[in-house]
């Protein structure tokens, strides 16, 4: 049984920073590309950032380039998203996900349908 669990979301002021974490179990974490998505009320789920299984490749949506950094620690089965200079438009539920099959990577942008294993989400709220 694959389990994906996000943590770290909270209320922050605009211009602030936050780091999200995600742990995944039930799969060989080190063989799966991982990603972060977000969904604001009334909007579609958006691919924010993705990282290949060995960290050699990364993807960022234009809206977060230069502000968000994705990383992973395969020894700890943990994925991270460091966010700086947060803006009110970053407010959303943030989801962590693993791609559908191991050792698979492609050029972005990434779609939700590329991912097969999802967490329940962690809420990030940025106040102005």
Protein backbone atom coordinates (compact mmCIF):
# COMPACT_ATOMS: atom_id res chain seq x y z
CA UNK A 1 0.00 0.00 0.00
CA UNK A 2 1.55 3.28 -1.10
CA UNK A 3 1.21 6.17 1.35
CA UNK A 4 2.13 9.76 0.59
CA UNK A 5 1.96 12.30 3.40
CA UNK A 6 2.60 16.04 3.15
CA UNK A 7 3.36 18.41 6.00
CA UNK A 8 4.53 21.95 6.65
CA UNK A 9 1.69 24.06 5.33
CA UNK A 10 0.62 27.04 7.40
CA UNK A 11 -0.42 30.68 7.35
CA UNK A 12 2.42 33.06 6.44
CA UNK A 13 2.69 36.70 5.50
CA UNK A 14 3.50 37.83 2.00
CA UNK A 15 7.26 37.87 1.49
CA UNK A 16 7.73 35.06 3.95
CA UNK A 17 9.19 31.59 3.55
CA UNK A 18 7.99 28.07 4.10
CA UNK A 19 9.29 24.55 3.51
CA UNK A 20 6.94 21.70 2.73
CA UNK A 21 7.88 18.07 3.30
CA UNK A 22 6.50 14.85 1.90
CA UNK A 23 7.23 11.28 2.85
CA UNK A 24 6.33 8.31 0.71
CA UNK A 25 6.22 4.65 1.70
CA UNK A 26 5.18 1.45 0.00
CA UNK A 27 7.25 2.14 -3.08
CA UNK A 28 10.96 2.31 -3.85
CA UNK A 29 11.15 6.07 -3.37
CA UNK A 30 14.61 6.39 -4.92
CA UNK A 31 13.28 5.10 -8.26
CA UNK A 32 10.34 7.47 -8.66
CA UNK A 33 10.21 11.01 -9.95
CA UNK A 34 8.19 13.14 -7.56
CA UNK A 35 6.23 16.33 -7.89
CA UNK A 36 4.38 19.09 -6.12
CA UNK A 37 1.01 20.32 -7.34
CA UNK A 38 -1.28 22.98 -5.96
CA UNK A 39 -4.95 23.76 -6.24
CA UNK A 40 -6.66 26.96 -5.22
CA UNK A 41 -10.45 27.14 -4.74
CA UNK A 42 -12.22 27.25 -8.09
CA UNK A 43 -9.04 26.56 -10.05
CA UNK A 44 -7.52 23.53 -11.71
CA UNK A 45 -4.69 21.58 -10.11
CA UNK A 46 -1.39 23.09 -11.27
CA UNK A 47 1.96 21.34 -11.56
CA UNK A 48 4.38 23.44 -9.50
CA UNK A 49 7.64 21.50 -9.55
CA UNK A 50 9.00 18.04 -10.27
CA UNK A 51 12.27 16.25 -9.63
CA UNK A 52 13.70 13.12 -11.19
CA UNK A 53 14.48 10.06 -9.05
CA UNK A 54 18.20 10.88 -8.80
CA UNK A 55 17.75 14.67 -8.59
CA UNK A 56 19.52 15.21 -11.90
CA UNK A 57 16.51 16.95 -13.48
CA UNK A 58 14.05 19.47 -12.15
CA UNK A 59 11.02 21.27 -13.53
CA UNK A 60 9.44 24.48 -12.27
CA UNK A 61 6.30 26.25 -13.40
CA UNK A 62 6.99 29.78 -14.63
CA UNK A 63 4.94 31.18 -11.75
CA UNK A 64 7.39 29.85 -9.14
CA UNK A 65 10.77 29.96 -10.88
CA UNK A 66 13.37 31.69 -8.76
CA UNK A 67 11.22 31.44 -5.63
CA UNK A 68 10.63 27.70 -5.10
CA UNK A 69 13.27 24.96 -4.85
CA UNK A 70 12.48 21.26 -4.99
CA UNK A 71 14.81 18.68 -3.45
CA UNK A 72 14.74 15.15 -2.14
CA UNK A 73 16.56 12.91 0.30
CA UNK A 74 16.26 9.35 -0.94
CA UNK A 75 17.80 7.96 2.23
CA UNK A 76 14.87 9.44 4.16
CA UNK A 77 12.18 8.83 1.52
CA UNK A 78 11.42 12.53 1.74
CA UNK A 79 10.64 15.24 -0.77
CA UNK A 80 10.91 18.96 -0.01
CA UNK A 81 9.65 22.23 -1.45
CA UNK A 82 11.38 25.36 -0.21
CA UNK A 83 9.34 28.47 -0.89
CA UNK A 84 10.59 32.03 -0.48
CA UNK A 85 9.11 35.44 -1.27
CA UNK A 86 5.63 33.98 -0.98
CA UNK A 87 2.75 35.85 -2.61
CA UNK A 88 -0.98 35.79 -1.87
CA UNK A 89 -1.48 34.03 -5.21
CA UNK A 90 0.55 31.10 -3.85
CA UNK A 91 -2.33 30.35 -1.50
CA UNK A 92 -3.56 26.83 -2.26
CA UNK A 93 -3.68 23.24 -1.11
CA UNK A 94 -0.31 21.73 -1.98
CA UNK A 95 -0.13 18.08 -2.99
CA UNK A 96 2.81 15.73 -3.24
CA UNK A 97 2.73 12.93 -5.80
CA UNK A 98 4.81 10.11 -7.25
CA UNK A 99 4.77 9.37 -10.98
CA UNK A 100 2.98 6.30 -12.30
CA UNK A 101 6.04 4.17 -12.94
CA UNK A 102 9.66 4.00 -11.74
CA UNK A 103 12.64 5.53 -13.52
CA UNK A 104 10.45 7.62 -15.79
CA UNK A 105 11.03 11.27 -16.62
CA UNK A 106 9.96 13.62 -19.36
CA UNK A 107 10.15 17.31 -20.13
CA UNK A 108 7.49 19.47 -18.49
CA UNK A 109 5.01 20.89 -18.03
CA UNK A 110 3.72 18.01 -15.99
CA UNK A 111 0.07 16.95 -15.76
CA UNK A 112 -1.76 15.41 -12.86
CA UNK A 113 -2.39 12.34 -15.03
CA UNK A 114 1.37 11.68 -15.07
CA UNK A 115 1.20 10.82 -11.38
CA UNK A 116 -0.28 7.75 -9.81
CA UNK A 117 0.16 8.22 -6.07
CA UNK A 118 -1.08 11.25 -4.19
CA UNK A 119 -1.12 12.65 -0.70
CA UNK A 120 -4.03 14.37 0.99
CA UNK A 121 -2.50 17.82 0.73
CA UNK A 122 -1.27 20.53 3.07
CA UNK A 123 -2.75 24.03 3.12
CA UNK A 124 -0.57 27.06 2.44
CA UNK A 125 -2.17 30.45 3.04
CA UNK A 126 -0.31 33.66 2.27
CA UNK A 127 -1.77 36.81 3.76
CA UNK A 128 -1.24 40.22 2.16
